[in-house]
Amino acid sequence: MTSVSKTIVDRHGKAVLRLIAAGSLAALLGACNQTTVAQAPYPVDYRERHPITLKEGERTVELFLGRNRGGLSPDQRADVLSFAQTWRREATSGIVVDVPRGGPTDHAAADSMREVHSIFAASGVPRNAVYVRTYRPSPAALASIKINYSKLTAEAGPCGRWPADLGPSIDSKDHENRPHWNLGCATQRNLASMIDNPADLVQPRGETPAYAARRSVAIDKYRKGEHPSATYSGYDTGKISDLGK
């Protein structure tokens, strides 16, 4: 009876040891699969911290209407003409015109739209590129004709982000003499807003033909042995050495 009990205890002990060994092996394998991901520092180059990206934006012109005035004012005609000229150069879509309807400015809106279509036609804007839709204006707001189109825009930012303090601390990264995160953001944002054609940031423009008239003049001077640069008459008059003569 004693030997049987001892055999049962030995079996239970071995089973417990097997379970402990299996648990230890699983924990060990689990620890091997865990990888520590270190947070990479932010880029040193400001162009990588605050890149300029190309997006699709809008250009909008509003023509405010008065109930007792028909047609456009001289300033509004100039705005529509400038809008039509820039559409031909930078637009990526047709022109969408929102016209108010259902208020006291309906007559003024109709007269203004006749002038808008006339300016568009004179500027070379195709009639099928203009889409006109109506909306009901708010009684508390001044009604206006809204003209817009989509275009390519360049943007950078937003600025003013401070993911870490600028002052010294016990963290070693504060002693590496690295630029702070917001440095260069305003410069990138100003450059993006001032650029004429955002596509210039990606690729250069195509070359235009050389000015043949000026090129022939320079070649003719070179053939005669003359200096190809421009010459100016009377450039040496009024010298200090001539004052005593």
C-alpha atoms as a PDB file:
ATOM      1  CA  MET A   1       0.000   0.000   0.000  1.00  0.00           C
ATOM      2  CA  THR A   2       2.842   2.348   0.790  1.00  0.00           C
ATOM      3  CA  SER A   3       4.624   1.601  -2.470  1.00  0.00           C
ATOM      4  CA  VAL A   4       1.423   2.301  -4.438  1.00  0.00           C
ATOM      5  CA  SER A   5       0.973   5.690  -2.729  1.00  0.00           C
ATOM      6  CA  LYS A   6       4.603   6.570  -3.421  1.00  0.00           C
ATOM      7  CA  THR A   7       4.156   5.693  -7.098  1.00  0.00           C
ATOM      8  CA  ILE A   8       1.090   7.968  -7.349  1.00  0.00           C
ATOM      9  CA  VAL A   9       2.963  10.860  -5.686  1.00  0.00           C
ATOM     10  CA  ASP A  10       5.913  10.399  -8.053  1.00  0.00           C
ATOM     11  CA  ARG A  11       3.608  10.484 -11.034  1.00  0.00           C
ATOM     12  CA  HIS A  12       1.909  13.682  -9.814  1.00  0.00           C
ATOM     13  CA  GLY A  13       5.292  15.273  -9.154  1.00  0.00           C
ATOM     14  CA  LYS A  14       6.521  14.490 -12.635  1.00  0.00           C
ATOM     15  CA  ALA A  15       3.339  15.893 -14.141  1.00  0.00           C
ATOM     16  CA  VAL A  16       3.751  19.125 -12.159  1.00  0.00           C
ATOM     17  CA  LEU A  17       7.367  19.377 -13.248  1.00  0.00           C
ATOM     18  CA  ARG A  18       6.340  18.901 -16.869  1.00  0.00           C
ATOM     19  CA  LEU A  19       3.751  21.694 -16.548  1.00  0.00           C
ATOM     20  CA  ILE A  20       6.283  24.028 -14.964  1.00  0.00           C
ATOM     21  CA  ALA A  21       8.827  23.260 -17.688  1.00  0.00           C
ATOM     22  CA  ALA A  22       6.257  23.847 -20.438  1.00  0.00           C
ATOM     23  CA  GLY A  23       5.191  27.152 -18.869  1.00  0.00           C
ATOM     24  CA  SER A  24       8.799  28.301 -18.594  1.00  0.00           C
ATOM     25  CA  LEU A  25       9.467  27.392 -22.214  1.00  0.00           C
ATOM     26  CA  ALA A  26       6.365  29.279 -23.377  1.00  0.00           C
ATOM     27  CA  ALA A  27       7.376  32.354 -21.385  1.00  0.00           C
ATOM     28  CA  LEU A  28      10.865  32.160 -22.826  1.00  0.00           C
ATOM     29  CA  LEU A  29       9.582  31.915 -26.381  1.00  0.00           C
ATOM     30  CA  GLY A  30       7.159  34.770 -25.744  1.00  0.00           C
ATOM     31  CA  ALA A  31       9.993  36.944 -24.501  1.00  0.00           C
ATOM     32  CA  CYS A  32      11.971  36.150 -27.649  1.00  0.00           C
ATOM     33  CA  ASN A  33       9.102  37.336 -29.858  1.00  0.00           C
ATOM     34  CA  GLN A  34       8.825  40.693 -28.076  1.00  0.00           C
ATOM     35  CA  THR A  35      10.769  43.405 -29.853  1.00  0.00           C
ATOM     36  CA  THR A  36      11.519  46.777 -28.379  1.00  0.00           C
ATOM     37  CA  VAL A  37      10.686  49.589 -30.823  1.00  0.00           C
ATOM     38  CA  ALA A  38      12.718  52.670 -30.122  1.00  0.00           C
ATOM     39  CA  GLN A  39      11.165  55.965 -31.076  1.00  0.00           C
ATOM     40  CA  ALA A  40      13.221  57.486 -33.859  1.00  0.00           C
ATOM     41  CA  PRO A  41      14.207  61.138 -33.431  1.00  0.00           C
ATOM     42  CA  TYR A  42      12.561  63.685 -35.692  1.00  0.00           C
ATOM     43  CA  PRO A  43      14.417  64.640 -38.909  1.00  0.00           C
ATOM     44  CA  VAL A  44      17.149  67.231 -38.703  1.00  0.00           C
ATOM     45  CA  ASP A  45      16.353  68.698 -42.136  1.00  0.00           C
ATOM     46  CA  TYR A  46      13.486  71.208 -41.904  1.00  0.00           C
ATOM     47  CA  ARG A  47      12.281  70.139 -45.360  1.00  0.00           C
ATOM     48  CA  GLU A  48      11.590  66.678 -43.981  1.00  0.00           C
ATOM     49  CA  ARG A  49       9.973  67.976 -40.787  1.00  0.00           C
ATOM     50  CA  HIS A  50       7.733  70.422 -42.653  1.00  0.00           C
ATOM     51  CA  PRO A  51       7.421  69.217 -46.255  1.00  0.00           C
ATOM     52  CA  ILE A  52       5.545  71.223 -48.863  1.00  0.00           C
ATOM     53  CA  THR A  53       2.704  69.122 -50.259  1.00  0.00           C
ATOM     54  CA  LEU A  54       0.593  69.689 -53.363  1.00  0.00           C
ATOM     55  CA  LYS A  55      -3.166  69.640 -52.877  1.00  0.00           C
ATOM     56  CA  GLU A  56      -6.294  70.631 -54.756  1.00  0.00           C
ATOM     57  CA  GLY A  57      -7.692  73.940 -53.567  1.00  0.00           C
ATOM     58  CA  GLU A  58     -10.219  76.498 -54.778  1.00  0.00           C
ATOM     59  CA  ARG A  59     -10.214  80.032 -56.089  1.00  0.00           C
ATOM     60  CA  THR A  60     -13.420  81.896 -55.309  1.00  0.00           C
ATOM     61  CA  VAL A  61     -14.732  85.337 -56.193  1.00  0.00           C
ATOM     62  CA  GLU A  62     -17.915  86.759 -54.659  1.00  0.00           C
ATOM     63  CA  LEU A  63     -19.973  89.424 -56.413  1.00  0.00           C
ATOM     64  CA  PHE A  64     -22.241  91.090 -53.865  1.00  0.00           C
ATOM     65  CA  LEU A  65     -25.610  92.228 -55.159  1.00  0.00           C
ATOM     66  CA  GLY A  66     -27.890  95.104 -54.236  1.00  0.00           C
ATOM     67  CA  ARG A  67     -31.618  94.959 -54.814  1.00  0.00           C
ATOM     68  CA  ASN A  68     -31.749  98.382 -56.475  1.00  0.00           C
ATOM     69  CA  ARG A  69     -28.687  98.051 -58.717  1.00  0.00           C
ATOM     70  CA  GLY A  70     -28.480  95.980 -61.859  1.00  0.00           C
ATOM     71  CA  GLY A  71     -25.266  94.727 -63.403  1.00  0.00           C
ATOM     72  CA  LEU A  72     -21.730  94.735 -62.090  1.00  0.00           C
ATOM     73  CA  SER A  73     -19.684  97.596 -60.735  1.00  0.00           C
ATOM     74  CA  PRO A  74     -16.348  98.493 -62.398  1.00  0.00           C
ATOM     75  CA  ASP A  75     -14.411  96.739 -59.628  1.00  0.00           C
ATOM     76  CA  GLN A  76     -16.544  93.610 -60.012  1.00  0.00           C
ATOM     77  CA  ARG A  77     -15.972  93.562 -63.774  1.00  0.00           C
ATOM     78  CA  ALA A  78     -12.232  93.718 -63.140  1.00  0.00           C
ATOM     79  CA  ASP A  79     -12.516  90.835 -60.656  1.00  0.00           C
ATOM     80  CA  VAL A  80     -14.413  88.673 -63.152  1.00  0.00           C
ATOM     81  CA  LEU A  81     -11.920  89.476 -65.925  1.00  0.00           C
ATOM     82  CA  SER A  82      -8.948  88.565 -63.719  1.00  0.00           C
ATOM     83  CA  PHE A  83     -10.761  85.402 -62.621  1.00  0.00           C
ATOM     84  CA  ALA A  84     -11.327  84.330 -66.247  1.00  0.00           C
ATOM     85  CA  GLN A  85      -7.712  84.969 -67.205  1.00  0.00           C
ATOM     86  CA  THR A  86      -6.284  82.992 -64.272  1.00  0.00           C
ATOM     87  CA  TRP A  87      -8.752  80.145 -64.954  1.00  0.00           C
ATOM     88  CA  ARG A  88      -7.187  79.577 -68.345  1.00  0.00           C
ATOM     89  CA  ARG A  89      -3.731  79.371 -66.774  1.00  0.00           C
ATOM     90  CA  GLU A  90      -4.126  77.430 -63.523  1.00  0.00           C
ATOM     91  CA  ALA A  91      -7.550  75.769 -63.333  1.00  0.00           C
ATOM     92  CA  THR A  92      -7.957  72.008 -62.991  1.00  0.00           C
ATOM     93  CA  SER A  93     -11.741  72.028 -63.439  1.00  0.00           C
ATOM     94  CA  GLY A  94     -14.581  73.991 -64.952  1.00  0.00           C
ATOM     95  CA  ILE A  95     -16.149  77.103 -63.459  1.00  0.00           C
ATOM     96  CA  VAL A  96     -19.024  76.719 -61.007  1.00  0.00           C
ATOM     97  CA  VAL A  97     -21.323  79.728 -60.525  1.00  0.00           C
ATOM     98  CA  ASP A  98     -23.774  79.862 -57.605  1.00  0.00           C
ATOM     99  CA  VAL A  99     -26.565  82.370 -58.299  1.00  0.00           C
ATOM    100  CA  PRO A 100     -29.033  83.468 -55.596  1.00  0.00           C
ATOM    101  CA  ARG A 101     -32.701  82.953 -56.396  1.00  0.00           C
ATOM    102  CA  GLY A 102     -35.886  83.506 -54.446  1.00  0.00           C
ATOM    103  CA  GLY A 103     -35.169  86.923 -52.953  1.00  0.00           C
ATOM    104  CA  PRO A 104     -35.323  90.627 -53.720  1.00  0.00           C
ATOM    105  CA  THR A 105     -32.051  90.467 -55.690  1.00  0.00           C
ATOM    106  CA  ASP A 106     -33.287  88.181 -58.476  1.00  0.00           C
ATOM    107  CA  HIS A 107     -33.416  90.977 -61.065  1.00  0.00           C
ATOM    108  CA  ALA A 108     -29.940  92.239 -60.124  1.00  0.00           C
ATOM    109  CA  ALA A 109     -28.579  88.688 -60.255  1.00  0.00           C
ATOM    110  CA  ALA A 110     -29.962  88.146 -63.768  1.00  0.00           C
ATOM    111  CA  ASP A 111     -28.416  91.399 -65.035  1.00  0.00           C
ATOM    112  CA  SER A 112     -25.084  90.579 -63.388  1.00  0.00           C
ATOM    113  CA  MET A 113     -24.990  87.080 -64.868  1.00  0.00           C
ATOM    114  CA  ARG A 114     -25.426  88.494 -68.387  1.00  0.00           C
ATOM    115  CA  GLU A 115     -22.298  90.579 -67.843  1.00  0.00           C
ATOM    116  CA  VAL A 116     -20.440  87.626 -66.321  1.00  0.00           C
ATOM    117  CA  HIS A 117     -21.154  85.447 -69.352  1.00  0.00           C
ATOM    118  CA  SER A 118     -20.126  88.283 -71.650  1.00  0.00           C
ATOM    119  CA  ILE A 119     -16.772  88.726 -69.872  1.00  0.00           C
ATOM    120  CA  PHE A 120     -16.189  84.964 -69.906  1.00  0.00           C
ATOM    121  CA  ALA A 121     -16.850  84.783 -73.648  1.00  0.00           C
ATOM    122  CA  ALA A 122     -14.549  87.732 -74.367  1.00  0.00           C
ATOM    123  CA  SER A 123     -11.799  86.076 -72.297  1.00  0.00           C
ATOM    124  CA  GLY A 124     -11.980  82.813 -74.222  1.00  0.00           C
ATOM    125  CA  VAL A 125     -13.815  80.714 -71.615  1.00  0.00           C
ATOM    126  CA  PRO A 126     -15.977  78.089 -73.384  1.00  0.00           C
ATOM    127  CA  ARG A 127     -19.661  78.183 -72.558  1.00  0.00           C
ATOM    128  CA  ASN A 128     -19.701  74.449 -71.765  1.00  0.00           C
ATOM    129  CA  ALA A 129     -16.977  75.001 -69.113  1.00  0.00           C
ATOM    130  CA  VAL A 130     -19.348  77.123 -66.993  1.00  0.00           C
ATOM    131  CA  TYR A 131     -21.877  75.363 -64.756  1.00  0.00           C
ATOM    132  CA  VAL A 132     -24.560  77.591 -63.215  1.00  0.00           C
ATOM    133  CA  ARG A 133     -26.609  76.500 -60.230  1.00  0.00           C
ATOM    134  CA  THR A 134     -28.966  78.347 -57.896  1.00  0.00           C
ATOM    135  CA  TYR A 135     -29.275  78.622 -54.137  1.00  0.00           C
ATOM    136  CA  ARG A 136     -31.636  80.377 -51.757  1.00  0.00           C
ATOM    137  CA  PRO A 137     -29.868  83.208 -49.916  1.00  0.00           C
ATOM    138  CA  SER A 138     -30.317  83.870 -46.232  1.00  0.00           C
ATOM    139  CA  PRO A 139     -32.644  86.807 -45.463  1.00  0.00           C
ATOM    140  CA  ALA A 140     -30.164  88.139 -42.888  1.00  0.00           C
ATOM    141  CA  ALA A 141     -27.138  88.128 -45.236  1.00  0.00           C
ATOM    142  CA  LEU A 142     -26.299  90.104 -48.359  1.00  0.00           C
ATOM    143  CA  ALA A 143     -26.810  87.955 -51.445  1.00  0.00           C
ATOM    144  CA  SER A 144     -23.842  87.336 -53.730  1.00  0.00           C
ATOM    145  CA  ILE A 145     -22.873  85.445 -56.866  1.00  0.00           C
ATOM    146  CA  LYS A 146     -20.120  82.956 -56.008  1.00  0.00           C
ATOM    147  CA  ILE A 147     -17.718  81.926 -58.778  1.00  0.00           C
ATOM    148  CA  ASN A 148     -15.091  79.256 -58.132  1.00  0.00           C
ATOM    149  CA  TYR A 149     -12.883  76.637 -59.739  1.00  0.00           C
ATOM    150  CA  SER A 150     -10.393  74.025 -58.536  1.00  0.00           C
ATOM    151  CA  LYS A 151      -6.664  74.578 -58.823  1.00  0.00           C
ATOM    152  CA  LEU A 152      -3.367  73.130 -57.655  1.00  0.00           C
ATOM    153  CA  THR A 153      -2.101  74.592 -54.376  1.00  0.00           C
ATOM    154  CA  ALA A 154       1.013  74.129 -52.250  1.00  0.00           C
ATOM    155  CA  GLU A 155       0.733  73.874 -48.469  1.00  0.00           C
ATOM    156  CA  ALA A 156       3.062  73.331 -45.525  1.00  0.00           C
ATOM    157  CA  GLY A 157       2.450  73.046 -41.827  1.00  0.00           C
ATOM    158  CA  PRO A 158       0.524  73.544 -39.627  1.00  0.00           C
ATOM    159  CA  CYS A 159       3.086  75.447 -37.602  1.00  0.00           C
ATOM    160  CA  GLY A 160       3.255  75.936 -33.871  1.00  0.00           C
ATOM    161  CA  ARG A 161       3.684  72.312 -32.831  1.00  0.00           C
ATOM    162  CA  TRP A 162       5.977  71.677 -29.854  1.00  0.00           C
ATOM    163  CA  PRO A 163       6.184  67.926 -29.139  1.00  0.00           C
ATOM    164  CA  ALA A 164       8.932  68.486 -26.572  1.00  0.00           C
ATOM    165  CA  ASP A 165      10.132  71.239 -24.268  1.00  0.00           C
ATOM    166  CA  LEU A 166      12.945  73.503 -25.398  1.00  0.00           C
ATOM    167  CA  GLY A 167      14.523  73.755 -21.969  1.00  0.00           C
ATOM    168  CA  PRO A 168      17.190  71.345 -20.685  1.00  0.00           C
ATOM    169  CA  SER A 169      16.166  68.205 -18.846  1.00  0.00           C
ATOM    170  CA  ILE A 170      17.626  64.895 -17.759  1.00  0.00           C
ATOM    171  CA  ASP A 171      16.763  63.415 -21.148  1.00  0.00           C
ATOM    172  CA  SER A 172      19.886  62.906 -23.248  1.00  0.00           C
ATOM    173  CA  LYS A 173      18.229  64.141 -26.444  1.00  0.00           C
ATOM    174  CA  ASP A 174      18.139  67.681 -25.045  1.00  0.00           C
ATOM    175  CA  HIS A 175      21.951  67.775 -25.089  1.00  0.00           C
ATOM    176  CA  GLU A 176      22.398  66.724 -28.742  1.00  0.00           C
ATOM    177  CA  ASN A 177      22.225  70.285 -30.154  1.00  0.00           C
ATOM    178  CA  ARG A 178      19.398  69.396 -32.525  1.00  0.00           C
ATOM    179  CA  PRO A 179      16.982  71.997 -33.995  1.00  0.00           C
ATOM    180  CA  HIS A 180      13.580  72.211 -32.401  1.00  0.00           C
ATOM    181  CA  TRP A 181      10.573  70.831 -34.264  1.00  0.00           C
ATOM    182  CA  ASN A 182       8.977  74.140 -35.279  1.00  0.00           C
ATOM    183  CA  LEU A 183      12.170  75.601 -36.776  1.00  0.00           C
ATOM    184  CA  GLY A 184      11.728  76.288 -40.506  1.00  0.00           C
ATOM    185  CA  CYS A 185       7.952  75.797 -40.572  1.00  0.00           C
ATOM    186  CA  ALA A 186       7.140  79.470 -41.196  1.00  0.00           C
ATOM    187  CA  THR A 187       9.708  79.649 -44.015  1.00  0.00           C
ATOM    188  CA  GLN A 188       8.236  76.581 -45.723  1.00  0.00           C
ATOM    189  CA  ARG A 189       4.705  77.901 -45.310  1.00  0.00           C
ATOM    190  CA  ASN A 190       5.607  81.302 -46.765  1.00  0.00           C
ATOM    191  CA  LEU A 191       7.380  79.678 -49.712  1.00  0.00           C
ATOM    192  CA  ALA A 192       4.328  77.520 -50.419  1.00  0.00           C
ATOM    193  CA  SER A 193       2.018  80.554 -50.392  1.00  0.00           C
ATOM    194  CA  MET A 194       4.275  82.686 -52.639  1.00  0.00           C
ATOM    195  CA  ILE A 195       5.093  80.197 -55.378  1.00  0.00           C
ATOM    196  CA  ASP A 196       3.444  81.018 -58.707  1.00  0.00           C
ATOM    197  CA  ASN A 197       3.049  77.489 -60.057  1.00  0.00           C
ATOM    198  CA  PRO A 198       3.057  74.714 -57.420  1.00  0.00           C
ATOM    199  CA  ALA A 199       4.078  72.198 -60.089  1.00  0.00           C
ATOM    200  CA  ASP A 200       7.500  73.908 -60.208  1.00  0.00           C
ATOM    201  CA  LEU A 201       8.290  72.193 -56.905  1.00  0.00           C
ATOM    202  CA  VAL A 202       8.070  68.818 -58.653  1.00  0.00           C
ATOM    203  CA  GLN A 203       9.415  69.411 -62.130  1.00  0.00           C
ATOM    204  CA  PRO A 204      10.837  72.296 -64.203  1.00  0.00           C
ATOM    205  CA  ARG A 205       8.843  74.050 -66.883  1.00  0.00           C
ATOM    206  CA  GLY A 206       9.446  73.435 -70.551  1.00  0.00           C
ATOM    207  CA  GLU A 207      11.943  75.695 -72.274  1.00  0.00           C
ATOM    208  CA  THR A 208      10.642  78.407 -74.577  1.00  0.00           C
ATOM    209  CA  PRO A 209      12.241  79.121 -77.963  1.00  0.00           C
ATOM    210  CA  ALA A 210      15.153  81.548 -78.015  1.00  0.00           C
ATOM    211  CA  TYR A 211      14.498  85.162 -78.994  1.00  0.00           C
ATOM    212  CA  ALA A 212      15.649  85.027 -82.619  1.00  0.00           C
ATOM    213  CA  ALA A 213      15.897  88.805 -83.127  1.00  0.00           C
ATOM    214  CA  ARG A 214      18.287  89.362 -80.232  1.00  0.00           C
ATOM    215  CA  ARG A 215      20.277  86.242 -81.072  1.00  0.00           C
ATOM    216  CA  SER A 216      20.856  87.418 -84.668  1.00  0.00           C
ATOM    217  CA  VAL A 217      22.110  90.798 -83.427  1.00  0.00           C
ATOM    218  CA  ALA A 218      24.619  89.156 -81.067  1.00  0.00           C
ATOM    219  CA  ILE A 219      25.853  86.762 -83.763  1.00  0.00           C
ATOM    220  CA  ASP A 220      26.251  89.616 -86.238  1.00  0.00           C
ATOM    221  CA  LYS A 221      28.377  91.582 -83.730  1.00  0.00           C
ATOM    222  CA  TYR A 222      30.486  88.506 -83.089  1.00  0.00           C
ATOM    223  CA  ARG A 223      31.020  88.051 -86.818  1.00  0.00           C
ATOM    224  CA  LYS A 224      32.216  91.662 -87.152  1.00  0.00           C
ATOM    225  CA  GLY A 225      34.558  91.325 -84.201  1.00  0.00           C
ATOM    226  CA  GLU A 226      32.547  93.686 -82.016  1.00  0.00           C
ATOM    227  CA  HIS A 227      31.640  93.168 -78.386  1.00  0.00           C
ATOM    228  CA  PRO A 228      28.309  91.294 -78.294  1.00  0.00           C
ATOM    229  CA  SER A 229      27.018  93.144 -75.233  1.00  0.00           C
ATOM    230  CA  ALA A 230      24.876  96.250 -75.515  1.00  0.00           C
ATOM    231  CA  THR A 231      26.633  99.604 -75.834  1.00  0.00           C
ATOM    232  CA  TYR A 232      25.354 102.856 -74.419  1.00  0.00           C
ATOM    233  CA  SER A 233      26.196 106.323 -75.696  1.00  0.00           C
ATOM    234  CA  GLY A 234      27.169 109.027 -73.255  1.00  0.00           C
ATOM    235  CA  TYR A 235      27.923 106.650 -70.426  1.00  0.00           C
ATOM    236  CA  ASP A 236      31.176 108.475 -69.578  1.00  0.00           C
ATOM    237  CA  THR A 237      29.799 112.016 -69.490  1.00  0.00           C
ATOM    238  CA  GLY A 238      29.867 113.913 -66.225  1.00  0.00           C
ATOM    239  CA  LYS A 239      33.026 112.287 -64.925  1.00  0.00           C
ATOM    240  CA  ILE A 240      34.861 113.969 -62.053  1.00  0.00           C
ATOM    241  CA  SER A 241      37.917 114.464 -64.322  1.00  0.00           C
ATOM    242  CA  ASP A 242      35.785 116.582 -66.662  1.00  0.00           C
ATOM    243  CA  LEU A 243      34.645 119.067 -64.022  1.00  0.00           C
ATOM    244  CA  GLY A 244      37.785 121.246 -64.304  1.00  0.00           C
ATOM    245  CA  LYS A 245      37.660 121.466 -68.092  1.00  0.00           C
END
